[in-house]
């Protein structure tokens, strides 16, 4: 193989990854799977698409070795093939936000104005949470919290928030987060909290952004 053919082969292999993520739905699949493994049926529901289409998108991602699958009874369960795939999603999104005005404007129109933290601000938030000066709540589904969550965060799924408001001290500011900047669960949580007279704000970080910043995560899962 000559040098030109070798270079073409190298770029072609990298382009497999680019081709695999060149779809809004496949990018969303990566974001959802970064929260933890899910069945095809769960993923289809999350993305509001039918199971056949979800399977086709997952097949493309699997062909590029970005996701892996296993069978659990009658279900096929998918997960990211590595933490670096979650970081790829974060970095790709950050580059798009930096260079695409349309994306930046769309984020500005989000329901809430989230805290976009610098590394120092993340450390400060963590210190405040550890001292009990603020209450950090994770409003994602409980299985996602169990997989990985921000240190000192409490699991309070959006579906349970109204019934569990009494668990949150009235004299503390509440910081809510979900899956990241594109996720609206934390916005809905803020609406609920503020309607009840609570001091609350949204954190744009999810576990992927926290991990990409080199900060620790916690898990309630017991690994054998």
N, C-alpha and C. Protein backbone atom coordinates (compact mmCIF):
# COMPACT_ATOMS: atom_id res chain seq x y z
N UNK A 1 0.85 -1.20 0.00
CA UNK A 1 0.00 0.00 0.00
C UNK A 1 0.89 1.25 0.00
N UNK A 2 0.63 2.17 -0.96
CA UNK A 2 1.45 3.38 -1.00
C UNK A 2 0.99 4.38 0.04
N UNK A 3 1.76 5.44 0.20
CA UNK A 3 1.48 6.41 1.26
C UNK A 3 0.12 7.08 1.08
N UNK A 4 -0.23 7.40 -0.17
CA UNK A 4 -1.51 8.07 -0.41
C UNK A 4 -2.67 7.16 -0.03
N UNK A 5 -2.59 5.90 -0.40
CA UNK A 5 -3.65 4.96 -0.07
C UNK A 5 -3.76 4.76 1.44
N UNK A 6 -2.61 4.76 2.13
CA UNK A 6 -2.62 4.60 3.57
C UNK A 6 -3.29 5.80 4.25
N UNK A 7 -2.95 7.02 3.77
CA UNK A 7 -3.57 8.21 4.34
C UNK A 7 -5.08 8.21 4.10
N UNK A 8 -5.48 7.82 2.91
CA UNK A 8 -6.90 7.75 2.59
C UNK A 8 -7.62 6.79 3.53
N UNK A 9 -6.98 5.67 3.82
CA UNK A 9 -7.56 4.67 4.71
C UNK A 9 -7.71 5.23 6.13
N UNK A 10 -6.71 5.95 6.59
CA UNK A 10 -6.75 6.52 7.93
C UNK A 10 -7.91 7.51 8.08
N UNK A 11 -8.02 8.43 7.10
CA UNK A 11 -9.10 9.40 7.16
C UNK A 11 -10.47 8.74 7.01
N UNK A 12 -10.51 7.70 6.21
CA UNK A 12 -11.76 6.98 6.01
C UNK A 12 -12.26 6.36 7.31
N UNK A 13 -11.34 5.82 8.11
CA UNK A 13 -11.74 5.21 9.37
C UNK A 13 -12.26 6.25 10.36
N UNK A 14 -11.59 7.41 10.43
CA UNK A 14 -12.07 8.47 11.31
C UNK A 14 -13.43 8.98 10.84
N UNK A 15 -13.61 9.03 9.51
CA UNK A 15 -14.87 9.50 8.95
C UNK A 15 -16.03 8.58 9.30
N UNK A 16 -15.75 7.33 9.64
CA UNK A 16 -16.82 6.42 10.08
C UNK A 16 -17.51 6.96 11.32
N UNK A 17 -16.73 7.54 12.22
CA UNK A 17 -17.31 8.12 13.43
C UNK A 17 -18.11 9.36 13.07
N UNK A 18 -17.55 10.21 12.19
CA UNK A 18 -18.27 11.40 11.77
C UNK A 18 -19.58 11.07 11.10
N UNK A 19 -19.58 10.05 10.26
CA UNK A 19 -20.80 9.63 9.58
C UNK A 19 -21.83 9.10 10.57
N UNK A 20 -21.36 8.37 11.57
CA UNK A 20 -22.27 7.77 12.54
C UNK A 20 -22.99 8.83 13.37
N UNK A 21 -22.32 9.94 13.66
CA UNK A 21 -22.95 10.96 14.51
C UNK A 21 -23.61 12.06 13.69
N UNK A 22 -23.63 11.92 12.37
CA UNK A 22 -24.20 12.95 11.50
C UNK A 22 -25.72 12.81 11.42
N UNK A 23 -26.37 12.78 12.56
CA UNK A 23 -27.83 12.67 12.63
C UNK A 23 -28.28 13.23 13.97
N UNK A 24 -29.25 14.13 13.98
CA UNK A 24 -29.74 14.67 15.25
C UNK A 24 -30.21 13.58 16.21
N UNK A 25 -30.90 12.58 15.70
CA UNK A 25 -31.42 11.52 16.56
C UNK A 25 -30.29 10.65 17.11
N UNK A 26 -29.27 10.40 16.32
CA UNK A 26 -28.16 9.58 16.83
C UNK A 26 -27.36 10.36 17.88
N UNK A 27 -27.24 11.68 17.72
CA UNK A 27 -26.60 12.48 18.76
C UNK A 27 -27.41 12.44 20.05
N UNK A 28 -28.73 12.51 19.91
CA UNK A 28 -29.57 12.44 21.11
C UNK A 28 -29.46 11.07 21.77
N UNK A 29 -29.34 10.02 20.97
CA UNK A 29 -29.13 8.69 21.53
C UNK A 29 -27.86 8.63 22.37
N UNK A 30 -26.80 9.25 21.88
CA UNK A 30 -25.55 9.27 22.64
C UNK A 30 -25.74 10.00 23.96
N UNK A 31 -26.46 11.13 23.93
CA UNK A 31 -26.68 11.89 25.16
C UNK A 31 -27.49 11.07 26.17
N UNK A 32 -28.53 10.40 25.70
CA UNK A 32 -29.36 9.61 26.60
C UNK A 32 -28.58 8.42 27.15
N UNK A 33 -27.81 7.76 26.29
CA UNK A 33 -27.04 6.60 26.74
C UNK A 33 -25.88 7.01 27.66
N UNK A 34 -25.46 8.25 27.59
CA UNK A 34 -24.43 8.73 28.51
C UNK A 34 -24.93 8.75 29.95
N UNK A 35 -26.26 8.69 30.12
CA UNK A 35 -26.84 8.66 31.46
C UNK A 35 -26.88 7.24 32.02
N UNK A 36 -26.70 6.24 31.16
CA UNK A 36 -26.77 4.85 31.60
C UNK A 36 -27.41 3.98 30.53
N UNK A 37 -27.25 2.68 30.66
CA UNK A 37 -27.77 1.77 29.66
C UNK A 37 -29.29 1.76 29.63
N UNK A 38 -29.85 1.51 28.42
CA UNK A 38 -31.30 1.50 28.24
C UNK A 38 -31.66 0.50 27.15
N UNK A 39 -32.89 0.01 27.21
CA UNK A 39 -33.38 -0.91 26.18
C UNK A 39 -33.77 -0.11 24.93
N UNK A 40 -33.92 -0.83 23.84
CA UNK A 40 -34.36 -0.18 22.59
C UNK A 40 -35.71 0.48 22.80
N UNK A 41 -36.59 -0.19 23.52
CA UNK A 41 -37.93 0.36 23.76
C UNK A 41 -37.86 1.65 24.56
N UNK A 42 -37.00 1.69 25.57
CA UNK A 42 -36.84 2.91 26.36
C UNK A 42 -36.28 4.05 25.53
N UNK A 43 -35.31 3.73 24.69
CA UNK A 43 -34.70 4.75 23.85
C UNK A 43 -35.69 5.30 22.83
N UNK A 44 -36.48 4.41 22.26
CA UNK A 44 -37.50 4.85 21.30
C UNK A 44 -38.48 5.81 21.97
N UNK A 45 -38.88 5.48 23.20
CA UNK A 45 -39.77 6.35 23.94
C UNK A 45 -39.15 7.70 24.26
N UNK A 46 -37.88 7.69 24.65
CA UNK A 46 -37.18 8.93 24.98
C UNK A 46 -37.13 9.88 23.77
N UNK A 47 -36.90 9.30 22.58
CA UNK A 47 -36.73 10.11 21.38
C UNK A 47 -38.03 10.33 20.60
N UNK A 48 -39.12 9.72 21.09
CA UNK A 48 -40.43 9.84 20.42
C UNK A 48 -40.37 9.34 18.98
N UNK A 49 -39.71 8.19 18.79
CA UNK A 49 -39.66 7.55 17.49
C UNK A 49 -40.07 6.09 17.66
N UNK A 50 -40.36 5.41 16.55
CA UNK A 50 -40.77 4.01 16.69
C UNK A 50 -39.54 3.12 16.90
N UNK A 51 -39.79 1.93 17.37
CA UNK A 51 -38.71 1.01 17.74
C UNK A 51 -37.85 0.64 16.53
N UNK A 52 -38.48 0.47 15.38
CA UNK A 52 -37.74 0.10 14.17
C UNK A 52 -36.72 1.17 13.80
N UNK A 53 -37.13 2.43 13.87
CA UNK A 53 -36.21 3.53 13.54
C UNK A 53 -35.11 3.65 14.59
N UNK A 54 -35.48 3.48 15.86
CA UNK A 54 -34.47 3.52 16.93
C UNK A 54 -33.42 2.44 16.71
N UNK A 55 -33.87 1.25 16.34
CA UNK A 55 -32.94 0.13 16.09
C UNK A 55 -32.01 0.44 14.93
N UNK A 56 -32.55 1.08 13.89
CA UNK A 56 -31.72 1.42 12.73
C UNK A 56 -30.64 2.43 13.11
N UNK A 57 -30.99 3.43 13.90
CA UNK A 57 -30.00 4.41 14.35
C UNK A 57 -28.94 3.74 15.24
N UNK A 58 -29.38 2.88 16.12
CA UNK A 58 -28.44 2.18 17.01
C UNK A 58 -27.49 1.28 16.23
N UNK A 59 -28.01 0.69 15.15
CA UNK A 59 -27.16 -0.15 14.30
C UNK A 59 -26.03 0.65 13.68
N UNK A 60 -26.34 1.90 13.24
CA UNK A 60 -25.31 2.76 12.67
C UNK A 60 -24.25 3.11 13.72
N UNK A 61 -24.70 3.42 14.93
CA UNK A 61 -23.76 3.75 16.00
C UNK A 61 -22.91 2.54 16.39
N UNK A 62 -23.53 1.38 16.38
CA UNK A 62 -22.79 0.17 16.74
C UNK A 62 -21.76 -0.18 15.67
N UNK A 63 -22.08 0.08 14.42
CA UNK A 63 -21.14 -0.20 13.33
C UNK A 63 -19.87 0.63 13.46
N UNK A 64 -20.00 1.80 14.06
CA UNK A 64 -18.83 2.66 14.29
C UNK A 64 -18.23 2.42 15.67
N UNK A 65 -18.72 1.39 16.37
CA UNK A 65 -18.22 1.00 17.70
C UNK A 65 -18.37 2.11 18.73
N UNK A 66 -19.43 2.91 18.59
CA UNK A 66 -19.71 3.95 19.58
C UNK A 66 -20.65 3.43 20.67
N UNK A 67 -21.41 2.40 20.36
CA UNK A 67 -22.28 1.78 21.36
C UNK A 67 -22.08 0.26 21.31
N UNK A 68 -22.46 -0.37 22.40
CA UNK A 68 -22.41 -1.83 22.49
C UNK A 68 -23.77 -2.31 22.98
N UNK A 69 -24.07 -3.56 22.74
CA UNK A 69 -25.38 -4.08 23.14
C UNK A 69 -25.22 -5.44 23.80
N UNK A 70 -26.24 -5.81 24.56
CA UNK A 70 -26.33 -7.13 25.15
C UNK A 70 -27.80 -7.51 25.23
N UNK A 71 -28.06 -8.78 25.31
CA UNK A 71 -29.44 -9.24 25.42
C UNK A 71 -29.78 -9.51 26.87
N UNK A 72 -30.95 -9.04 27.29
CA UNK A 72 -31.46 -9.28 28.63
C UNK A 72 -32.89 -9.79 28.50
N UNK A 73 -33.04 -11.12 28.55
CA UNK A 73 -34.35 -11.71 28.32
C UNK A 73 -34.83 -11.43 26.91
N UNK A 74 -35.99 -10.81 26.79
CA UNK A 74 -36.55 -10.48 25.48
C UNK A 74 -36.06 -9.14 24.96
N UNK A 75 -35.29 -8.43 25.76
CA UNK A 75 -34.89 -7.07 25.39
C UNK A 75 -33.42 -6.99 24.99
N UNK A 76 -33.13 -6.03 24.13
CA UNK A 76 -31.75 -5.70 23.78
C UNK A 76 -31.41 -4.40 24.49
N UNK A 77 -30.33 -4.44 25.28
CA UNK A 77 -29.92 -3.29 26.08
C UNK A 77 -28.67 -2.67 25.46
N UNK A 78 -28.69 -1.34 25.32
CA UNK A 78 -27.56 -0.63 24.74
C UNK A 78 -26.85 0.24 25.77
N UNK A 79 -25.56 0.41 25.56
CA UNK A 79 -24.76 1.32 26.38
C UNK A 79 -23.66 1.92 25.50
N UNK A 80 -23.08 3.01 25.96
CA UNK A 80 -21.93 3.57 25.25
C UNK A 80 -20.76 2.61 25.35
N UNK A 81 -19.93 2.59 24.33
CA UNK A 81 -18.79 1.67 24.32
C UNK A 81 -17.65 2.15 25.20
N UNK A 82 -17.74 3.39 25.69
CA UNK A 82 -16.70 3.91 26.58
C UNK A 82 -17.01 5.31 27.03
N UNK A 83 -16.37 5.76 28.11
CA UNK A 83 -16.59 7.12 28.61
C UNK A 83 -16.16 8.16 27.58
N UNK A 84 -15.21 7.80 26.73
CA UNK A 84 -14.74 8.77 25.74
C UNK A 84 -15.83 9.13 24.74
N UNK A 85 -16.81 8.25 24.55
CA UNK A 85 -17.91 8.56 23.63
C UNK A 85 -18.78 9.67 24.23
N UNK A 86 -19.00 9.62 25.54
CA UNK A 86 -19.75 10.69 26.20
C UNK A 86 -19.00 12.01 26.09
N UNK A 87 -17.67 11.96 26.22
CA UNK A 87 -16.87 13.18 26.11
C UNK A 87 -16.90 13.71 24.68
N UNK A 88 -16.96 12.79 23.69
CA UNK A 88 -17.07 13.21 22.29
C UNK A 88 -18.34 14.02 22.09
N UNK A 89 -19.45 13.57 22.67
CA UNK A 89 -20.71 14.29 22.56
C UNK A 89 -20.58 15.68 23.18
N UNK A 90 -19.99 15.79 24.36
CA UNK A 90 -19.84 17.08 25.02
C UNK A 90 -18.98 18.02 24.19
N UNK A 91 -17.86 17.53 23.70
CA UNK A 91 -16.94 18.37 22.93
C UNK A 91 -17.56 18.82 21.61
N UNK A 92 -18.28 17.92 20.96
CA UNK A 92 -18.93 18.27 19.71
C UNK A 92 -19.99 19.35 19.93
N UNK A 93 -20.75 19.19 21.01
CA UNK A 93 -21.79 20.18 21.33
C UNK A 93 -21.17 21.53 21.67
N UNK A 94 -20.07 21.51 22.41
CA UNK A 94 -19.42 22.76 22.81
C UNK A 94 -18.85 23.50 21.60
N UNK A 95 -18.27 22.77 20.67
CA UNK A 95 -17.75 23.40 19.45
C UNK A 95 -18.89 24.02 18.65
N UNK A 96 -20.01 23.29 18.55
CA UNK A 96 -21.16 23.80 17.82
C UNK A 96 -21.71 25.07 18.49
N UNK A 97 -21.77 25.06 19.80
CA UNK A 97 -22.29 26.22 20.53
C UNK A 97 -21.37 27.43 20.36
N UNK A 98 -20.08 27.17 20.28
CA UNK A 98 -19.11 28.26 20.14
C UNK A 98 -19.15 28.89 18.76
N UNK A 99 -19.43 28.10 17.72
CA UNK A 99 -19.29 28.58 16.35
C UNK A 99 -20.60 28.77 15.59
N UNK A 100 -21.70 28.22 16.10
CA UNK A 100 -22.97 28.33 15.40
C UNK A 100 -23.89 29.30 16.14
N UNK A 101 -24.13 30.44 15.53
CA UNK A 101 -24.96 31.47 16.15
C UNK A 101 -26.37 30.94 16.40
N UNK A 102 -26.88 30.13 15.46
CA UNK A 102 -28.24 29.61 15.60
C UNK A 102 -28.39 28.77 16.87
N UNK A 103 -27.38 27.97 17.17
CA UNK A 103 -27.43 27.14 18.38
C UNK A 103 -27.35 28.02 19.63
N UNK A 104 -26.47 28.99 19.60
CA UNK A 104 -26.33 29.89 20.75
C UNK A 104 -27.66 30.61 21.02
N UNK A 105 -28.30 31.08 19.96
CA UNK A 105 -29.57 31.79 20.13
C UNK A 105 -30.65 30.84 20.65
N UNK A 106 -30.65 29.61 20.17
CA UNK A 106 -31.64 28.64 20.62
C UNK A 106 -31.48 28.36 22.11
N UNK A 107 -30.23 28.24 22.56
CA UNK A 107 -29.98 28.01 23.98
C UNK A 107 -30.44 29.20 24.83
N UNK A 108 -30.31 30.40 24.29
CA UNK A 108 -30.73 31.59 25.02
C UNK A 108 -32.24 31.64 25.18
N UNK A 109 -32.95 30.92 24.31
CA UNK A 109 -34.41 30.90 24.39
C UNK A 109 -34.93 29.79 25.30
N UNK A 110 -34.02 29.06 25.94
CA UNK A 110 -34.46 28.01 26.85
C UNK A 110 -35.32 28.62 27.96
N UNK A 111 -36.16 27.81 28.55
CA UNK A 111 -37.11 28.29 29.56
C UNK A 111 -36.42 29.00 30.71
N UNK A 112 -35.33 28.43 31.18
CA UNK A 112 -34.61 29.04 32.31
C UNK A 112 -33.23 29.48 31.83
N UNK A 113 -32.65 30.42 32.54
CA UNK A 113 -31.30 30.88 32.23
C UNK A 113 -30.33 30.13 33.14
N UNK A 114 -29.67 29.08 32.65
CA UNK A 114 -28.89 28.22 33.54
C UNK A 114 -27.55 28.81 33.93
N UNK A 115 -27.02 28.31 35.04
CA UNK A 115 -25.67 28.65 35.44
C UNK A 115 -24.69 27.92 34.52
N UNK A 116 -23.84 28.66 33.84
CA UNK A 116 -22.80 28.04 33.02
C UNK A 116 -21.50 28.21 33.79
N UNK A 117 -21.05 27.14 34.38
CA UNK A 117 -19.99 27.23 35.38
C UNK A 117 -18.59 27.11 34.79
N UNK A 118 -17.68 27.92 35.31
CA UNK A 118 -16.26 27.76 35.05
C UNK A 118 -15.75 26.67 35.97
N UNK A 119 -14.54 26.13 35.71
CA UNK A 119 -13.99 25.13 36.62
C UNK A 119 -13.96 25.59 38.08
N UNK A 120 -13.59 26.87 38.31
CA UNK A 120 -13.54 27.37 39.68
C UNK A 120 -14.95 27.41 40.28
N UNK A 121 -15.93 27.81 39.49
CA UNK A 121 -17.30 27.88 39.98
C UNK A 121 -17.83 26.49 40.31
N UNK A 122 -17.44 25.48 39.55
CA UNK A 122 -17.86 24.11 39.85
C UNK A 122 -17.31 23.67 41.19
N UNK A 123 -16.05 23.97 41.45
CA UNK A 123 -15.45 23.62 42.73
C UNK A 123 -16.16 24.35 43.87
N UNK A 124 -16.52 25.59 43.64
CA UNK A 124 -17.20 26.37 44.67
C UNK A 124 -18.59 25.78 44.95
N UNK A 125 -19.31 25.40 43.89
CA UNK A 125 -20.62 24.79 44.06
C UNK A 125 -20.51 23.50 44.85
N UNK A 126 -19.49 22.70 44.53
CA UNK A 126 -19.29 21.45 45.25
C UNK A 126 -19.01 21.70 46.73
N UNK A 127 -18.20 22.71 47.01
CA UNK A 127 -17.88 23.04 48.40
C UNK A 127 -19.13 23.50 49.15
N UNK A 128 -19.95 24.31 48.49
CA UNK A 128 -21.19 24.78 49.13
C UNK A 128 -22.14 23.62 49.41
N UNK A 129 -22.22 22.68 48.46
CA UNK A 129 -23.10 21.53 48.64
C UNK A 129 -22.62 20.66 49.80
N UNK A 130 -21.32 20.48 49.91
CA UNK A 130 -20.77 19.65 50.99
C UNK A 130 -21.00 20.29 52.36
N UNK A 131 -21.03 21.63 52.40
CA UNK A 131 -21.26 22.34 53.65
C UNK A 131 -22.75 22.47 53.97
N UNK A 132 -23.58 22.07 53.01
CA UNK A 132 -25.02 22.18 53.22
C UNK A 132 -25.57 23.57 52.99
N UNK A 133 -24.77 24.44 52.37
CA UNK A 133 -25.22 25.82 52.12
C UNK A 133 -26.23 25.87 50.99
N UNK A 134 -26.14 24.93 50.07
CA UNK A 134 -27.12 24.79 48.99
C UNK A 134 -27.54 23.32 48.91
N UNK A 135 -28.67 23.08 48.29
CA UNK A 135 -29.15 21.72 48.08
C UNK A 135 -29.15 21.44 46.58
N UNK A 136 -28.38 20.46 46.15
CA UNK A 136 -28.32 20.08 44.74
C UNK A 136 -29.23 18.89 44.52
N UNK A 137 -30.15 19.01 43.56
CA UNK A 137 -31.05 17.90 43.26
C UNK A 137 -30.88 17.44 41.82
N UNK A 138 -30.92 16.15 41.64
CA UNK A 138 -30.82 15.50 40.34
C UNK A 138 -32.24 15.07 39.97
N UNK A 139 -32.80 15.69 38.93
CA UNK A 139 -34.20 15.43 38.59
C UNK A 139 -34.36 14.41 37.47
N UNK A 140 -33.29 13.73 37.12
CA UNK A 140 -33.38 12.64 36.14
C UNK A 140 -34.06 11.42 36.77
N UNK A 141 -34.46 10.44 35.96
CA UNK A 141 -34.99 9.19 36.52
C UNK A 141 -33.97 8.55 37.46
N UNK A 142 -34.47 7.85 38.48
CA UNK A 142 -33.61 7.27 39.51
C UNK A 142 -32.51 6.35 38.95
N UNK A 143 -32.79 5.47 37.96
CA UNK A 143 -31.71 4.62 37.45
C UNK A 143 -30.53 5.41 36.89
N UNK A 144 -30.79 6.58 36.32
CA UNK A 144 -29.70 7.40 35.79
C UNK A 144 -28.88 7.99 36.94
N UNK A 145 -29.56 8.40 37.99
CA UNK A 145 -28.86 8.89 39.19
C UNK A 145 -27.99 7.79 39.78
N UNK A 146 -28.54 6.58 39.87
CA UNK A 146 -27.79 5.46 40.44
C UNK A 146 -26.52 5.18 39.64
N UNK A 147 -26.59 5.33 38.32
CA UNK A 147 -25.44 5.07 37.46
C UNK A 147 -24.31 6.05 37.76
N UNK A 148 -24.63 7.33 37.81
CA UNK A 148 -23.63 8.36 38.11
C UNK A 148 -24.34 9.67 38.40
N UNK A 149 -23.83 10.41 39.39
CA UNK A 149 -24.43 11.70 39.73
C UNK A 149 -23.38 12.61 40.33
N UNK A 150 -23.70 13.89 40.39
CA UNK A 150 -22.79 14.86 40.99
C UNK A 150 -22.66 14.59 42.48
N UNK A 151 -21.47 14.78 43.04
CA UNK A 151 -21.29 14.58 44.48
C UNK A 151 -22.26 15.44 45.29
N UNK A 152 -22.80 14.86 46.35
CA UNK A 152 -23.71 15.55 47.27
C UNK A 152 -25.10 15.81 46.69
N UNK A 153 -25.35 15.35 45.46
CA UNK A 153 -26.67 15.56 44.88
C UNK A 153 -27.68 14.57 45.45
N UNK A 154 -28.91 15.04 45.60
CA UNK A 154 -30.01 14.19 46.02
C UNK A 154 -30.81 13.76 44.81
N UNK A 155 -31.24 12.51 44.80
CA UNK A 155 -32.10 12.05 43.72
C UNK A 155 -33.52 12.52 44.01
N UNK A 156 -34.07 13.32 43.09
CA UNK A 156 -35.44 13.78 43.21
C UNK A 156 -36.03 13.87 41.80
N UNK A 157 -36.41 12.70 41.24
CA UNK A 157 -36.94 12.69 39.87
C UNK A 157 -38.07 13.69 39.68
N UNK A 158 -38.12 14.27 38.51
CA UNK A 158 -39.13 15.28 38.21
C UNK A 158 -40.53 14.78 38.52
N UNK A 159 -40.79 13.51 38.22
CA UNK A 159 -42.13 12.94 38.43
C UNK A 159 -42.51 12.87 39.91
N UNK A 160 -41.51 12.96 40.80
CA UNK A 160 -41.76 12.86 42.24
C UNK A 160 -41.62 14.19 42.96
N UNK A 161 -41.21 15.22 42.24
CA UNK A 161 -40.82 16.47 42.90
C UNK A 161 -41.96 17.09 43.71
N UNK A 162 -43.14 17.17 43.14
CA UNK A 162 -44.25 17.81 43.84
C UNK A 162 -44.55 17.09 45.15
N UNK A 163 -44.57 15.77 45.12
CA UNK A 163 -44.92 15.00 46.32
C UNK A 163 -43.81 14.99 47.36
N UNK A 164 -42.59 15.39 46.98
CA UNK A 164 -41.47 15.33 47.90
C UNK A 164 -40.91 16.71 48.27
N UNK A 165 -41.66 17.76 47.98
CA UNK A 165 -41.17 19.11 48.26
C UNK A 165 -40.85 19.31 49.74
N UNK A 166 -41.58 18.63 50.60
CA UNK A 166 -41.36 18.80 52.04
C UNK A 166 -39.98 18.35 52.47
N UNK A 167 -39.31 17.54 51.65
CA UNK A 167 -37.97 17.07 51.98
C UNK A 167 -36.91 18.14 51.78
N UNK A 168 -37.26 19.21 51.09
CA UNK A 168 -36.29 20.27 50.77
C UNK A 168 -36.42 21.42 51.75
N UNK A 169 -35.34 21.76 52.44
CA UNK A 169 -35.39 22.85 53.41
C UNK A 169 -35.78 24.17 52.75
N UNK A 170 -36.61 24.94 53.43
CA UNK A 170 -37.06 26.21 52.87
C UNK A 170 -35.99 27.30 52.98
N UNK A 171 -35.04 27.11 53.86
CA UNK A 171 -34.04 28.15 54.08
C UNK A 171 -32.75 27.91 53.29
N UNK A 172 -32.81 27.04 52.29
CA UNK A 172 -31.64 26.77 51.46
C UNK A 172 -31.99 26.99 49.98
N UNK A 173 -31.03 27.50 49.23
CA UNK A 173 -31.20 27.61 47.78
C UNK A 173 -31.09 26.23 47.17
N UNK A 174 -31.91 25.96 46.19
CA UNK A 174 -31.92 24.66 45.52
C UNK A 174 -31.34 24.82 44.12
N UNK A 175 -30.41 23.94 43.77
CA UNK A 175 -29.80 23.92 42.45
C UNK A 175 -30.20 22.62 41.76
N UNK A 176 -30.91 22.73 40.65
CA UNK A 176 -31.41 21.54 39.94
C UNK A 176 -30.61 21.30 38.67
N UNK A 177 -30.34 20.04 38.39
CA UNK A 177 -29.69 19.69 37.12
C UNK A 177 -30.32 18.43 36.56
N UNK A 178 -30.10 18.22 35.25
CA UNK A 178 -30.60 17.00 34.61
C UNK A 178 -29.52 16.43 33.70
N UNK A 179 -29.79 16.33 32.40
CA UNK A 179 -28.84 15.66 31.51
C UNK A 179 -27.85 16.59 30.81
N UNK A 180 -28.00 17.88 31.00
CA UNK A 180 -27.10 18.81 30.33
C UNK A 180 -27.86 19.98 29.73
N UNK A 181 -27.20 20.83 28.95
CA UNK A 181 -27.80 22.06 28.44
C UNK A 181 -29.04 21.86 27.59
N UNK A 182 -29.16 20.73 26.89
CA UNK A 182 -30.30 20.52 26.01
C UNK A 182 -31.50 19.91 26.73
N UNK A 183 -31.34 19.57 27.97
CA UNK A 183 -32.39 18.87 28.72
C UNK A 183 -33.30 19.89 29.41
N UNK A 184 -34.62 19.65 29.36
CA UNK A 184 -35.59 20.58 29.92
C UNK A 184 -36.19 20.14 31.25
N UNK A 185 -35.77 18.98 31.75
CA UNK A 185 -36.34 18.52 33.02
C UNK A 185 -36.04 19.48 34.16
N UNK A 186 -34.84 20.04 34.18
CA UNK A 186 -34.49 20.97 35.25
C UNK A 186 -35.29 22.27 35.13
N UNK A 187 -35.62 22.68 33.90
CA UNK A 187 -36.46 23.86 33.72
C UNK A 187 -37.84 23.65 34.32
N UNK A 188 -38.39 22.46 34.08
CA UNK A 188 -39.70 22.13 34.65
C UNK A 188 -39.63 22.09 36.17
N UNK A 189 -38.52 21.57 36.69
CA UNK A 189 -38.34 21.54 38.14
C UNK A 189 -38.31 22.95 38.72
N UNK A 190 -37.63 23.87 38.03
CA UNK A 190 -37.57 25.25 38.50
C UNK A 190 -38.94 25.89 38.55
N UNK A 191 -39.75 25.62 37.55
CA UNK A 191 -41.10 26.18 37.54
C UNK A 191 -41.89 25.70 38.76
N UNK A 192 -41.75 24.44 39.07
CA UNK A 192 -42.44 23.88 40.24
C UNK A 192 -41.92 24.52 41.52
N UNK A 193 -40.62 24.56 41.66
CA UNK A 193 -40.01 25.09 42.88
C UNK A 193 -40.35 26.56 43.09
N UNK A 194 -40.24 27.35 42.05
CA UNK A 194 -40.51 28.78 42.19
C UNK A 194 -41.99 29.05 42.42
N UNK A 195 -42.86 28.19 41.88
CA UNK A 195 -44.29 28.37 42.13
C UNK A 195 -44.64 28.13 43.59
N UNK A 196 -43.74 27.42 44.29
CA UNK A 196 -43.93 27.15 45.71
C UNK A 196 -43.11 28.09 46.59
N UNK A 197 -42.59 29.15 45.97
CA UNK A 197 -41.86 30.16 46.72
C UNK A 197 -40.45 29.76 47.11
N UNK A 198 -39.88 28.75 46.43
CA UNK A 198 -38.52 28.30 46.76
C UNK A 198 -37.49 29.07 45.94
N UNK A 199 -36.34 29.32 46.54
CA UNK A 199 -35.21 29.91 45.81
C UNK A 199 -34.53 28.77 45.04
N UNK A 200 -34.46 28.91 43.73
CA UNK A 200 -33.92 27.81 42.92
C UNK A 200 -33.28 28.34 41.65
N UNK A 201 -32.32 27.59 41.18
CA UNK A 201 -31.67 27.89 39.90
C UNK A 201 -31.31 26.59 39.21
N UNK A 202 -31.04 26.71 37.92
CA UNK A 202 -30.71 25.54 37.11
C UNK A 202 -29.22 25.51 36.82
N UNK A 203 -28.66 24.33 36.90
CA UNK A 203 -27.27 24.11 36.51
C UNK A 203 -27.27 23.49 35.12
N UNK A 204 -26.51 24.09 34.19
CA UNK A 204 -26.50 23.56 32.83
C UNK A 204 -25.71 22.25 32.72
N UNK A 205 -24.82 22.01 33.66
CA UNK A 205 -24.04 20.77 33.65
C UNK A 205 -24.92 19.54 33.86
N UNK A 206 -24.54 18.46 33.18
CA UNK A 206 -25.01 17.14 33.53
C UNK A 206 -23.78 16.33 33.92
N UNK A 207 -23.94 15.04 34.10
CA UNK A 207 -22.78 14.24 34.51
C UNK A 207 -21.68 14.24 33.44
N UNK A 208 -22.07 14.33 32.17
CA UNK A 208 -21.05 14.33 31.10
C UNK A 208 -20.17 15.57 31.17
N UNK A 209 -20.80 16.72 31.38
CA UNK A 209 -20.05 17.97 31.47
C UNK A 209 -19.16 17.98 32.71
N UNK A 210 -19.68 17.45 33.79
CA UNK A 210 -18.91 17.38 35.03
C UNK A 210 -17.68 16.49 34.84
N UNK A 211 -17.89 15.36 34.18
CA UNK A 211 -16.79 14.43 33.93
C UNK A 211 -15.78 15.04 32.95
N UNK A 212 -16.28 15.74 31.94
CA UNK A 212 -15.39 16.37 30.96
C UNK A 212 -14.51 17.43 31.61
N UNK A 213 -15.00 18.04 32.70
CA UNK A 213 -14.22 19.04 33.43
C UNK A 213 -13.21 18.41 34.38
N UNK A 214 -13.18 17.07 34.42
CA UNK A 214 -12.22 16.37 35.28
C UNK A 214 -12.62 16.31 36.73
N UNK A 215 -13.92 16.48 37.01
CA UNK A 215 -14.41 16.48 38.38
C UNK A 215 -15.04 15.13 38.73
N UNK A 216 -15.08 14.79 40.01
CA UNK A 216 -15.53 13.46 40.40
C UNK A 216 -17.04 13.29 40.28
N UNK A 217 -17.45 12.04 40.08
CA UNK A 217 -18.85 11.66 40.11
C UNK A 217 -19.01 10.58 41.16
N UNK A 218 -20.24 10.35 41.57
CA UNK A 218 -20.55 9.28 42.51
C UNK A 218 -21.57 8.35 41.89
N UNK A 219 -21.63 7.13 42.43
CA UNK A 219 -22.58 6.11 41.95
C UNK A 219 -23.10 5.34 43.14
N UNK A 220 -24.37 4.92 43.04
CA UNK A 220 -24.94 4.07 44.11
C UNK A 220 -24.93 2.60 43.70
N UNK A 221 -24.42 2.31 42.51
CA UNK A 221 -24.38 0.92 42.05
C UNK A 221 -23.25 0.17 42.74
N UNK A 222 -23.48 -1.07 43.02
CA UNK A 222 -22.45 -1.92 43.60
C UNK A 222 -21.85 -2.75 42.47
N UNK A 223 -20.59 -2.52 42.19
CA UNK A 223 -19.91 -3.24 41.11
C UNK A 223 -19.20 -4.46 41.67
N UNK A 224 -19.42 -5.58 41.02
CA UNK A 224 -18.77 -6.83 41.45
C UNK A 224 -17.36 -6.92 40.92
